[in-house]
Amino acid sequence: MRTLQDVQREIDHLIKDEWKSHYWSPLSNLARLTEEVGELAREINHHHGEKTKKESEDEGNLAKEIGDILYTLATLANSMDIDLNSAFSQVMDKYYTRDAHRWQPDLPSD
């Protein structure tokens, strides 16, 4: 199983070593991430919402769209030297402390 660190390393290898290229600017990567999230939203709307696909449209793949988002997010993180493992750990610590009792059902008062 890959860790987020493995994902970032693999993307770095692909872009720098295989493609002999460079990272896009953070703003360009953000625009791309927005596009990918829009594609996921469109697929979820077709699968679970009111809007059906046209007969001429191919059946989408939700897992592929989420994978595209992960790739683009990791590319954005790499371009700004952000460690996703560390970022994720920090946000989980926040949720464990801030929301520790937020989602527990209300108990009836006596």
PDB file of N, CA and C in Angstrom:
ATOM      1  N   MET A   1       0.836  -1.174   0.000  1.00  0.00           N
ATOM      2  CA  MET A   1       0.000   0.000   0.000  1.00  0.00           C
ATOM      3  C   MET A   1       0.887   1.245   0.000  1.00  0.00           C
ATOM      4  N   ARG A   2       0.505   2.227  -0.763  1.00  0.00           N
ATOM      5  CA  ARG A   2       1.256   3.477  -0.855  1.00  0.00           C
ATOM      6  C   ARG A   2       0.848   4.426   0.261  1.00  0.00           C
ATOM      7  N   THR A   3       1.833   5.141   0.776  1.00  0.00           N
ATOM      8  CA  THR A   3       1.562   6.238   1.703  1.00  0.00           C
ATOM      9  C   THR A   3       1.453   7.516   0.886  1.00  0.00           C
ATOM     10  N   LEU A   4       1.012   8.576   1.521  1.00  0.00           N
ATOM     11  CA  LEU A   4       0.987   9.869   0.828  1.00  0.00           C
ATOM     12  C   LEU A   4       2.400  10.267   0.405  1.00  0.00           C
ATOM     13  N   GLN A   5       3.385   9.937   1.233  1.00  0.00           N
ATOM     14  CA  GLN A   5       4.780  10.228   0.891  1.00  0.00           C
ATOM     15  C   GLN A   5       5.189   9.460  -0.368  1.00  0.00           C
ATOM     16  N   ASP A   6       4.772   8.202  -0.474  1.00  0.00           N
ATOM     17  CA  ASP A   6       5.051   7.416  -1.680  1.00  0.00           C
ATOM     18  C   ASP A   6       4.414   8.053  -2.909  1.00  0.00           C
ATOM     19  N   VAL A   7       3.171   8.512  -2.756  1.00  0.00           N
ATOM     20  CA  VAL A   7       2.467   9.161  -3.857  1.00  0.00           C
ATOM     21  C   VAL A   7       3.241  10.391  -4.319  1.00  0.00           C
ATOM     22  N   GLN A   8       3.660  11.217  -3.360  1.00  0.00           N
ATOM     23  CA  GLN A   8       4.397  12.432  -3.727  1.00  0.00           C
ATOM     24  C   GLN A   8       5.717  12.101  -4.403  1.00  0.00           C
ATOM     25  N   ARG A   9       6.415  11.083  -3.914  1.00  0.00           N
ATOM     26  CA  ARG A   9       7.687  10.687  -4.524  1.00  0.00           C
ATOM     27  C   ARG A   9       7.486  10.170  -5.943  1.00  0.00           C
ATOM     28  N   GLU A  10       6.449   9.361  -6.135  1.00  0.00           N
ATOM     29  CA  GLU A  10       6.186   8.798  -7.464  1.00  0.00           C
ATOM     30  C   GLU A  10       5.839   9.896  -8.469  1.00  0.00           C
ATOM     31  N   ILE A  11       5.044  10.859  -8.049  1.00  0.00           N
ATOM     32  CA  ILE A  11       4.698  11.969  -8.931  1.00  0.00           C
ATOM     33  C   ILE A  11       5.934  12.803  -9.245  1.00  0.00           C
ATOM     34  N   ASP A  12       6.774  13.036  -8.243  1.00  0.00           N
ATOM     35  CA  ASP A  12       8.007  13.795  -8.470  1.00  0.00           C
ATOM     36  C   ASP A  12       8.901  13.083  -9.487  1.00  0.00           C
ATOM     37  N   HIS A  13       9.020  11.765  -9.346  1.00  0.00           N
ATOM     38  CA  HIS A  13       9.817  10.971 -10.290  1.00  0.00           C
ATOM     39  C   HIS A  13       9.227  11.058 -11.699  1.00  0.00           C
ATOM     40  N   LEU A  14       7.917  10.924 -11.807  1.00  0.00           N
ATOM     41  CA  LEU A  14       7.260  10.982 -13.113  1.00  0.00           C
ATOM     42  C   LEU A  14       7.525  12.323 -13.800  1.00  0.00           C
ATOM     43  N   ILE A  15       7.294  13.397 -13.076  1.00  0.00           N
ATOM     44  CA  ILE A  15       7.420  14.727 -13.683  1.00  0.00           C
ATOM     45  C   ILE A  15       8.874  15.072 -13.990  1.00  0.00           C
ATOM     46  N   LYS A  16       9.766  14.871 -13.036  1.00  0.00           N
ATOM     47  CA  LYS A  16      11.151  15.303 -13.221  1.00  0.00           C
ATOM     48  C   LYS A  16      12.000  14.317 -14.015  1.00  0.00           C
ATOM     49  N   ASP A  17      11.880  13.019 -13.722  1.00  0.00           N
ATOM     50  CA  ASP A  17      12.765  12.028 -14.332  1.00  0.00           C
ATOM     51  C   ASP A  17      12.207  11.419 -15.616  1.00  0.00           C
ATOM     52  N   GLU A  18      10.935  11.054 -15.604  1.00  0.00           N
ATOM     53  CA  GLU A  18      10.346  10.417 -16.780  1.00  0.00           C
ATOM     54  C   GLU A  18      10.008  11.438 -17.855  1.00  0.00           C
ATOM     55  N   TRP A  19       9.332  12.485 -17.456  1.00  0.00           N
ATOM     56  CA  TRP A  19       8.904  13.492 -18.430  1.00  0.00           C
ATOM     57  C   TRP A  19       9.951  14.576 -18.655  1.00  0.00           C
ATOM     58  N   LYS A  20      10.980  14.626 -17.799  1.00  0.00           N
ATOM     59  CA  LYS A  20      12.024  15.667 -17.887  1.00  0.00           C
ATOM     60  C   LYS A  20      11.382  17.060 -17.926  1.00  0.00           C
ATOM     61  N   SER A  21      10.442  17.264 -17.018  1.00  0.00           N
ATOM     62  CA  SER A  21       9.665  18.488 -17.020  1.00  0.00           C
ATOM     63  C   SER A  21       9.772  19.177 -15.660  1.00  0.00           C
ATOM     64  N   HIS A  22       8.838  20.044 -15.367  1.00  0.00           N
ATOM     65  CA  HIS A  22       8.830  20.791 -14.114  1.00  0.00           C
ATOM     66  C   HIS A  22       7.379  20.947 -13.643  1.00  0.00           C
ATOM     67  N   TYR A  23       7.231  21.399 -12.412  1.00  0.00           N
ATOM     68  CA  TYR A  23       5.894  21.622 -11.873  1.00  0.00           C
ATOM     69  C   TYR A  23       5.326  22.924 -12.413  1.00  0.00           C
ATOM     70  N   TRP A  24       4.016  22.923 -12.612  1.00  0.00           N
ATOM     71  CA  TRP A  24       3.331  24.152 -12.959  1.00  0.00           C
ATOM     72  C   TRP A  24       3.307  25.059 -11.736  1.00  0.00           C
ATOM     73  N   SER A  25       2.992  26.298 -11.949  1.00  0.00           N
ATOM     74  CA  SER A  25       2.882  27.231 -10.829  1.00  0.00           C
ATOM     75  C   SER A  25       1.722  26.807  -9.924  1.00  0.00           C
ATOM     76  N   PRO A  26       1.774  27.183  -8.641  1.00  0.00           N
ATOM     77  CA  PRO A  26       0.663  26.838  -7.745  1.00  0.00           C
ATOM     78  C   PRO A  26      -0.692  27.323  -8.261  1.00  0.00           C
ATOM     79  N   LEU A  27      -0.744  28.491  -8.858  1.00  0.00           N
ATOM     80  CA  LEU A  27      -2.014  28.995  -9.360  1.00  0.00           C
ATOM     81  C   LEU A  27      -2.543  28.123 -10.503  1.00  0.00           C
ATOM     82  N   SER A  28      -1.674  27.689 -11.394  1.00  0.00           N
ATOM     83  CA  SER A  28      -2.096  26.793 -12.480  1.00  0.00           C
ATOM     84  C   SER A  28      -2.540  25.449 -11.931  1.00  0.00           C
ATOM     85  N   ASN A  29      -1.814  24.934 -10.928  1.00  0.00           N
ATOM     86  CA  ASN A  29      -2.219  23.667 -10.306  1.00  0.00           C
ATOM     87  C   ASN A  29      -3.550  23.811  -9.580  1.00  0.00           C
ATOM     88  N   LEU A  30      -3.793  24.953  -8.962  1.00  0.00           N
ATOM     89  CA  LEU A  30      -5.072  25.187  -8.291  1.00  0.00           C
ATOM     90  C   LEU A  30      -6.208  25.213  -9.315  1.00  0.00           C
ATOM     91  N   ALA A  31      -5.982  25.847 -10.445  1.00  0.00           N
ATOM     92  CA  ALA A  31      -6.998  25.864 -11.501  1.00  0.00           C
ATOM     93  C   ALA A  31      -7.280  24.442 -11.973  1.00  0.00           C
ATOM     94  N   ARG A  32      -6.229  23.672 -12.123  1.00  0.00           N
ATOM     95  CA  ARG A  32      -6.405  22.278 -12.553  1.00  0.00           C
ATOM     96  C   ARG A  32      -7.155  21.476 -11.501  1.00  0.00           C
ATOM     97  N   LEU A  33      -6.830  21.693 -10.224  1.00  0.00           N
ATOM     98  CA  LEU A  33      -7.534  21.007  -9.144  1.00  0.00           C
ATOM     99  C   LEU A  33      -9.021  21.364  -9.163  1.00  0.00           C
ATOM    100  N   THR A  34      -9.314  22.621  -9.392  1.00  0.00           N
ATOM    101  CA  THR A  34     -10.703  23.071  -9.477  1.00  0.00           C
ATOM    102  C   THR A  34     -11.431  22.368 -10.621  1.00  0.00           C
ATOM    103  N   GLU A  35     -10.760  22.241 -11.759  1.00  0.00           N
ATOM    104  CA  GLU A  35     -11.346  21.519 -12.895  1.00  0.00           C
ATOM    105  C   GLU A  35     -11.647  20.070 -12.526  1.00  0.00           C
ATOM    106  N   GLU A  36     -10.703  19.414 -11.851  1.00  0.00           N
ATOM    107  CA  GLU A  36     -10.881  18.006 -11.478  1.00  0.00           C
ATOM    108  C   GLU A  36     -12.027  17.840 -10.484  1.00  0.00           C
ATOM    109  N   VAL A  37     -12.134  18.759  -9.517  1.00  0.00           N
ATOM    110  CA  VAL A  37     -13.232  18.694  -8.556  1.00  0.00           C
ATOM    111  C   VAL A  37     -14.566  18.897  -9.288  1.00  0.00           C
ATOM    112  N   GLY A  38     -14.575  19.769 -10.274  1.00  0.00           N
ATOM    113  CA  GLY A  38     -15.779  19.970 -11.080  1.00  0.00           C
ATOM    114  C   GLY A  38     -16.185  18.708 -11.823  1.00  0.00           C
ATOM    115  N   GLU A  39     -15.205  17.974 -12.340  1.00  0.00           N
ATOM    116  CA  GLU A  39     -15.507  16.716 -13.026  1.00  0.00           C
ATOM    117  C   GLU A  39     -16.097  15.696 -12.054  1.00  0.00           C
ATOM    118  N   LEU A  40     -15.571  15.644 -10.829  1.00  0.00           N
ATOM    119  CA  LEU A  40     -16.141  14.753  -9.816  1.00  0.00           C
ATOM    120  C   LEU A  40     -17.565  15.174  -9.475  1.00  0.00           C
ATOM    121  N   ALA A  41     -17.777  16.471  -9.308  1.00  0.00           N
ATOM    122  CA  ALA A  41     -19.118  16.978  -8.990  1.00  0.00           C
ATOM    123  C   ALA A  41     -20.110  16.593 -10.086  1.00  0.00           C
ATOM    124  N   ARG A  42     -19.678  16.704 -11.311  1.00  0.00           N
ATOM    125  CA  ARG A  42     -20.554  16.360 -12.440  1.00  0.00           C
ATOM    126  C   ARG A  42     -20.930  14.877 -12.403  1.00  0.00           C
ATOM    127  N   GLU A  43     -19.956  14.009 -12.126  1.00  0.00           N
ATOM    128  CA  GLU A  43     -20.230  12.574 -12.061  1.00  0.00           C
ATOM    129  C   GLU A  43     -21.147  12.235 -10.889  1.00  0.00           C
ATOM    130  N   ILE A  44     -20.907  12.849  -9.736  1.00  0.00           N
ATOM    131  CA  ILE A  44     -21.775  12.593  -8.577  1.00  0.00           C
ATOM    132  C   ILE A  44     -23.192  13.075  -8.875  1.00  0.00           C
ATOM    133  N   ASN A  45     -23.312  14.209  -9.533  1.00  0.00           N
ATOM    134  CA  ASN A  45     -24.629  14.715  -9.911  1.00  0.00           C
ATOM    135  C   ASN A  45     -25.343  13.743 -10.845  1.00  0.00           C
ATOM    136  N   HIS A  46     -24.602  13.154 -11.780  1.00  0.00           N
ATOM    137  CA  HIS A  46     -25.207  12.193 -12.699  1.00  0.00           C
ATOM    138  C   HIS A  46     -25.604  10.899 -11.990  1.00  0.00           C
ATOM    139  N   HIS A  47     -24.794  10.459 -11.046  1.00  0.00           N
ATOM    140  CA  HIS A  47     -25.074   9.200 -10.344  1.00  0.00           C
ATOM    141  C   HIS A  47     -26.103   9.352  -9.225  1.00  0.00           C
ATOM    142  N   HIS A  48     -26.073  10.476  -8.532  1.00  0.00           N
ATOM    143  CA  HIS A  48     -26.886  10.621  -7.322  1.00  0.00           C
ATOM    144  C   HIS A  48     -27.820  11.821  -7.353  1.00  0.00           C
ATOM    145  N   GLY A  49     -27.728  12.642  -8.365  1.00  0.00           N
ATOM    146  CA  GLY A  49     -28.522  13.863  -8.416  1.00  0.00           C
ATOM    147  C   GLY A  49     -29.649  13.779  -9.429  1.00  0.00           C
ATOM    148  N   GLU A  50     -30.203  14.902  -9.709  1.00  0.00           N
ATOM    149  CA  GLU A  50     -31.348  14.998 -10.611  1.00  0.00           C
ATOM    150  C   GLU A  50     -30.946  15.013 -12.083  1.00  0.00           C
ATOM    151  N   LYS A  51     -29.702  15.392 -12.354  1.00  0.00           N
ATOM    152  CA  LYS A  51     -29.285  15.577 -13.745  1.00  0.00           C
ATOM    153  C   LYS A  51     -28.796  14.261 -14.344  1.00  0.00           C
ATOM    154  N   THR A  52     -29.471  13.801 -15.348  1.00  0.00           N
ATOM    155  CA  THR A  52     -29.045  12.573 -16.020  1.00  0.00           C
ATOM    156  C   THR A  52     -28.103  12.923 -17.169  1.00  0.00           C
ATOM    157  N   LYS A  53     -27.327  11.921 -17.558  1.00  0.00           N
ATOM    158  CA  LYS A  53     -26.408  12.128 -18.679  1.00  0.00           C
ATOM    159  C   LYS A  53     -27.154  12.082 -20.000  1.00  0.00           C
ATOM    160  N   LYS A  54     -26.580  12.754 -20.984  1.00  0.00           N
ATOM    161  CA  LYS A  54     -27.097  12.655 -22.344  1.00  0.00           C
ATOM    162  C   LYS A  54     -26.750  11.268 -22.875  1.00  0.00           C
ATOM    163  N   GLU A  55     -27.518  10.789 -23.817  1.00  0.00           N
ATOM    164  CA  GLU A  55     -27.243   9.469 -24.395  1.00  0.00           C
ATOM    165  C   GLU A  55     -25.871   9.412 -25.046  1.00  0.00           C
ATOM    166  N   SER A  56     -25.366  10.546 -25.519  1.00  0.00           N
ATOM    167  CA  SER A  56     -24.074  10.584 -26.205  1.00  0.00           C
ATOM    168  C   SER A  56     -22.890  10.604 -25.234  1.00  0.00           C
ATOM    169  N   GLU A  57     -23.144  10.770 -23.928  1.00  0.00           N
ATOM    170  CA  GLU A  57     -22.058  10.857 -22.946  1.00  0.00           C
ATOM    171  C   GLU A  57     -21.667   9.477 -22.423  1.00  0.00           C
ATOM    172  N   ASP A  58     -20.349   9.282 -22.250  1.00  0.00           N
ATOM    173  CA  ASP A  58     -19.848   8.033 -21.684  1.00  0.00           C
ATOM    174  C   ASP A  58     -20.161   7.961 -20.198  1.00  0.00           C
ATOM    175  N   GLU A  59     -20.253   6.734 -19.709  1.00  0.00           N
ATOM    176  CA  GLU A  59     -20.439   6.517 -18.276  1.00  0.00           C
ATOM    177  C   GLU A  59     -19.147   6.923 -17.568  1.00  0.00           C
ATOM    178  N   GLY A  60     -19.250   7.726 -16.540  1.00  0.00           N
ATOM    179  CA  GLY A  60     -18.078   8.197 -15.815  1.00  0.00           C
ATOM    180  C   GLY A  60     -17.647   7.208 -14.745  1.00  0.00           C
ATOM    181  N   ASN A  61     -16.506   7.503 -14.155  1.00  0.00           N
ATOM    182  CA  ASN A  61     -15.936   6.640 -13.132  1.00  0.00           C
ATOM    183  C   ASN A  61     -15.569   7.508 -11.932  1.00  0.00           C
ATOM    184  N   LEU A  62     -16.320   7.371 -10.842  1.00  0.00           N
ATOM    185  CA  LEU A  62     -16.089   8.195  -9.659  1.00  0.00           C
ATOM    186  C   LEU A  62     -14.703   7.971  -9.072  1.00  0.00           C
ATOM    187  N   ALA A  63     -14.254   6.716  -9.018  1.00  0.00           N
ATOM    188  CA  ALA A  63     -12.935   6.422  -8.446  1.00  0.00           C
ATOM    189  C   ALA A  63     -11.833   7.091  -9.264  1.00  0.00           C
ATOM    190  N   LYS A  64     -11.966   7.078 -10.580  1.00  0.00           N
ATOM    191  CA  LYS A  64     -10.972   7.727 -11.450  1.00  0.00           C
ATOM    192  C   LYS A  64     -10.940   9.228 -11.190  1.00  0.00           C
ATOM    193  N   GLU A  65     -12.111   9.828 -11.029  1.00  0.00           N
ATOM    194  CA  GLU A  65     -12.162  11.272 -10.774  1.00  0.00           C
ATOM    195  C   GLU A  65     -11.520  11.617  -9.431  1.00  0.00           C
ATOM    196  N   ILE A  66     -11.755  10.795  -8.423  1.00  0.00           N
ATOM    197  CA  ILE A  66     -11.111  11.025  -7.119  1.00  0.00           C
ATOM    198  C   ILE A  66      -9.605  10.823  -7.241  1.00  0.00           C
ATOM    199  N   GLY A  67      -9.178   9.830  -8.028  1.00  0.00           N
ATOM    200  CA  GLY A  67      -7.754   9.629  -8.275  1.00  0.00           C
ATOM    201  C   GLY A  67      -7.109  10.822  -8.965  1.00  0.00           C
ATOM    202  N   ASP A  68      -7.822  11.416  -9.916  1.00  0.00           N
ATOM    203  CA  ASP A  68      -7.317  12.618 -10.588  1.00  0.00           C
ATOM    204  C   ASP A  68      -7.131  13.759  -9.589  1.00  0.00           C
ATOM    205  N   ILE A  69      -8.069  13.881  -8.647  1.00  0.00           N
ATOM    206  CA  ILE A  69      -7.966  14.927  -7.621  1.00  0.00           C
ATOM    207  C   ILE A  69      -6.759  14.667  -6.729  1.00  0.00           C
ATOM    208  N   LEU A  70      -6.556  13.423  -6.316  1.00  0.00           N
ATOM    209  CA  LEU A  70      -5.404  13.088  -5.467  1.00  0.00           C
ATOM    210  C   LEU A  70      -4.094  13.396  -6.187  1.00  0.00           C
ATOM    211  N   TYR A  71      -4.003  13.011  -7.456  1.00  0.00           N
ATOM    212  CA  TYR A  71      -2.792  13.291  -8.236  1.00  0.00           C
ATOM    213  C   TYR A  71      -2.539  14.802  -8.298  1.00  0.00           C
ATOM    214  N   THR A  72      -3.563  15.557  -8.620  1.00  0.00           N
ATOM    215  CA  THR A  72      -3.400  17.001  -8.780  1.00  0.00           C
ATOM    216  C   THR A  72      -3.084  17.668  -7.450  1.00  0.00           C
ATOM    217  N   LEU A  73      -3.716  17.222  -6.373  1.00  0.00           N
ATOM    218  CA  LEU A  73      -3.430  17.766  -5.048  1.00  0.00           C
ATOM    219  C   LEU A  73      -1.985  17.468  -4.638  1.00  0.00           C
ATOM    220  N   ALA A  74      -1.524  16.260  -4.901  1.00  0.00           N
ATOM    221  CA  ALA A  74      -0.138  15.907  -4.580  1.00  0.00           C
ATOM    222  C   ALA A  74       0.836  16.709  -5.437  1.00  0.00           C
ATOM    223  N   THR A  75       0.486  16.955  -6.685  1.00  0.00           N
ATOM    224  CA  THR A  75       1.323  17.792  -7.547  1.00  0.00           C
ATOM    225  C   THR A  75       1.406  19.212  -7.001  1.00  0.00           C
ATOM    226  N   LEU A  76       0.278  19.750  -6.567  1.00  0.00           N
ATOM    227  CA  LEU A  76       0.254  21.082  -5.965  1.00  0.00           C
ATOM    228  C   LEU A  76       1.117  21.112  -4.704  1.00  0.00           C
ATOM    229  N   ALA A  77       0.977  20.105  -3.863  1.00  0.00           N
ATOM    230  CA  ALA A  77       1.786  20.041  -2.636  1.00  0.00           C
ATOM    231  C   ALA A  77       3.274  19.957  -2.979  1.00  0.00           C
ATOM    232  N   ASN A  78       3.631  19.123  -3.929  1.00  0.00           N
ATOM    233  CA  ASN A  78       5.038  19.009  -4.325  1.00  0.00           C
ATOM    234  C   ASN A  78       5.585  20.342  -4.823  1.00  0.00           C
ATOM    235  N   SER A  79       4.780  21.063  -5.591  1.00  0.00           N
ATOM    236  CA  SER A  79       5.261  22.312  -6.167  1.00  0.00           C
ATOM    237  C   SER A  79       5.539  23.362  -5.089  1.00  0.00           C
ATOM    238  N   MET A  80       4.958  23.167  -3.906  1.00  0.00           N
ATOM    239  CA  MET A  80       5.146  24.130  -2.811  1.00  0.00           C
ATOM    240  C   MET A  80       5.896  23.513  -1.628  1.00  0.00           C
ATOM    241  N   ASP A  81       6.536  22.358  -1.852  1.00  0.00           N
ATOM    242  CA  ASP A  81       7.314  21.662  -0.818  1.00  0.00           C
ATOM    243  C   ASP A  81       6.507  21.402   0.450  1.00  0.00           C
ATOM    244  N   ILE A  82       5.279  20.926   0.271  1.00  0.00           N
ATOM    245  CA  ILE A  82       4.417  20.574   1.396  1.00  0.00           C
ATOM    246  C   ILE A  82       4.362  19.058   1.506  1.00  0.00           C
ATOM    247  N   ASP A  83       4.638  18.545   2.691  1.00  0.00           N
ATOM    248  CA  ASP A  83       4.580  17.118   2.976  1.00  0.00           C
ATOM    249  C   ASP A  83       3.132  16.772   3.333  1.00  0.00           C
ATOM    250  N   LEU A  84       2.476  15.988   2.474  1.00  0.00           N
ATOM    251  CA  LEU A  84       1.073  15.658   2.706  1.00  0.00           C
ATOM    252  C   LEU A  84       0.868  14.810   3.952  1.00  0.00           C
ATOM    253  N   ASN A  85       1.817  13.921   4.278  1.00  0.00           N
ATOM    254  CA  ASN A  85       1.685  13.135   5.519  1.00  0.00           C
ATOM    255  C   ASN A  85       1.620  14.059   6.722  1.00  0.00           C
ATOM    256  N   SER A  86       2.515  15.024   6.771  1.00  0.00           N
ATOM    257  CA  SER A  86       2.546  15.969   7.881  1.00  0.00           C
ATOM    258  C   SER A  86       1.285  16.837   7.904  1.00  0.00           C
ATOM    259  N   ALA A  87       0.883  17.329   6.735  1.00  0.00           N
ATOM    260  CA  ALA A  87      -0.316  18.169   6.651  1.00  0.00           C
ATOM    261  C   ALA A  87      -1.547  17.389   7.104  1.00  0.00           C
ATOM    262  N   PHE A  88      -1.644  16.139   6.702  1.00  0.00           N
ATOM    263  CA  PHE A  88      -2.792  15.325   7.081  1.00  0.00           C
ATOM    264  C   PHE A  88      -2.774  15.024   8.580  1.00  0.00           C
ATOM    265  N   SER A  89      -1.605  14.737   9.121  1.00  0.00           N
ATOM    266  CA  SER A  89      -1.501  14.497  10.570  1.00  0.00           C
ATOM    267  C   SER A  89      -1.947  15.717  11.361  1.00  0.00           C
ATOM    268  N   GLN A  90      -1.530  16.885  10.922  1.00  0.00           N
ATOM    269  CA  GLN A  90      -1.915  18.127  11.610  1.00  0.00           C
ATOM    270  C   GLN A  90      -3.419  18.335  11.573  1.00  0.00           C
ATOM    271  N   VAL A  91      -4.037  18.097  10.431  1.00  0.00           N
ATOM    272  CA  VAL A  91      -5.478  18.321  10.337  1.00  0.00           C
ATOM    273  C   VAL A  91      -6.252  17.275  11.139  1.00  0.00           C
ATOM    274  N   MET A  92      -5.757  16.040  11.192  1.00  0.00           N
ATOM    275  CA  MET A  92      -6.440  15.020  11.991  1.00  0.00           C
ATOM    276  C   MET A  92      -6.327  15.331  13.475  1.00  0.00           C
ATOM    277  N   ASP A  93      -5.162  15.811  13.903  1.00  0.00           N
ATOM    278  CA  ASP A  93      -5.014  16.236  15.304  1.00  0.00           C
ATOM    279  C   ASP A  93      -6.042  17.314  15.635  1.00  0.00           C
ATOM    280  N   LYS A  94      -6.218  18.251  14.718  1.00  0.00           N
ATOM    281  CA  LYS A  94      -7.197  19.320  14.913  1.00  0.00           C
ATOM    282  C   LYS A  94      -8.598  18.745  15.069  1.00  0.00           C
ATOM    283  N   TYR A  95      -8.977  17.820  14.195  1.00  0.00           N
ATOM    284  CA  TYR A  95     -10.325  17.258  14.267  1.00  0.00           C
ATOM    285  C   TYR A  95     -10.527  16.409  15.516  1.00  0.00           C
ATOM    286  N   TYR A  96      -9.491  15.679  15.925  1.00  0.00           N
ATOM    287  CA  TYR A  96      -9.620  14.862  17.140  1.00  0.00           C
ATOM    288  C   TYR A  96      -9.791  15.726  18.386  1.00  0.00           C
ATOM    289  N   THR A  97      -9.166  16.889  18.410  1.00  0.00           N
ATOM    290  CA  THR A  97      -9.301  17.739  19.598  1.00  0.00           C
ATOM    291  C   THR A  97     -10.505  18.664  19.500  1.00  0.00           C
ATOM    292  N   ARG A  98     -10.636  19.373  18.419  1.00  0.00           N
ATOM    293  CA  ARG A  98     -11.719  20.345  18.281  1.00  0.00           C
ATOM    294  C   ARG A  98     -13.092  19.681  18.242  1.00  0.00           C
ATOM    295  N   ASP A  99     -13.184  18.559  17.564  1.00  0.00           N
ATOM    296  CA  ASP A  99     -14.481  17.915  17.365  1.00  0.00           C
ATOM    297  C   ASP A  99     -14.649  16.636  18.185  1.00  0.00           C
ATOM    298  N   ALA A 100     -13.885  16.506  19.257  1.00  0.00           N
ATOM    299  CA  ALA A 100     -13.910  15.276  20.044  1.00  0.00           C
ATOM    300  C   ALA A 100     -15.314  14.893  20.501  1.00  0.00           C
ATOM    301  N   HIS A 101     -16.138  15.853  20.833  1.00  0.00           N
ATOM    302  CA  HIS A 101     -17.486  15.553  21.334  1.00  0.00           C
ATOM    303  C   HIS A 101     -18.584  16.131  20.444  1.00  0.00           C
ATOM    304  N   ARG A 102     -18.197  16.650  19.323  1.00  0.00           N
ATOM    305  CA  ARG A 102     -19.154  17.356  18.463  1.00  0.00           C
ATOM    306  C   ARG A 102     -20.223  16.443  17.865  1.00  0.00           C
ATOM    307  N   TRP A 103     -19.891  15.238  17.518  1.00  0.00           N
ATOM    308  CA  TRP A 103     -20.807  14.363  16.794  1.00  0.00           C
ATOM    309  C   TRP A 103     -21.443  13.301  17.678  1.00  0.00           C
ATOM    310  N   GLN A 104     -21.301  13.428  18.975  1.00  0.00           N
ATOM    311  CA  GLN A 104     -21.940  12.472  19.864  1.00  0.00           C
ATOM    312  C   GLN A 104     -23.417  12.862  20.045  1.00  0.00           C
ATOM    313  N   PRO A 105     -24.272  11.857  20.115  1.00  0.00           N
ATOM    314  CA  PRO A 105     -25.704  12.192  20.240  1.00  0.00           C
ATOM    315  C   PRO A 105     -25.990  12.902  21.563  1.00  0.00           C
ATOM    316  N   ASP A 106     -26.965  13.790  21.507  1.00  0.00           N
ATOM    317  CA  ASP A 106     -27.394  14.462  22.729  1.00  0.00           C
ATOM    318  C   ASP A 106     -28.086  13.457  23.632  1.00  0.00           C
ATOM    319  N   LEU A 107     -27.698  13.470  24.875  1.00  0.00           N
ATOM    320  CA  LEU A 107     -28.320  12.583  25.851  1.00  0.00           C
ATOM    321  C   LEU A 107     -29.494  13.310  26.495  1.00  0.00           C
ATOM    322  N   PRO A 108     -30.574  12.584  26.746  1.00  0.00           N
ATOM    323  CA  PRO A 108     -31.707  13.256  27.390  1.00  0.00           C
ATOM    324  C   PRO A 108     -31.338  13.720  28.787  1.00  0.00           C
ATOM    325  N   SER A 109     -31.810  14.880  29.145  1.00  0.00           N
ATOM    326  CA  SER A 109     -31.544  15.381  30.491  1.00  0.00           C
ATOM    327  C   SER A 109     -32.633  14.897  31.426  1.00  0.00           C
ATOM    328  N   ASP A 110     -32.261  14.610  32.656  1.00  0.00           N
ATOM    329  CA  ASP A 110     -33.227  14.120  33.651  1.00  0.00           C
ATOM    330  C   ASP A 110     -33.880  15.232  34.390  1.00  0.00           C
TER     331      ASP A 110
END
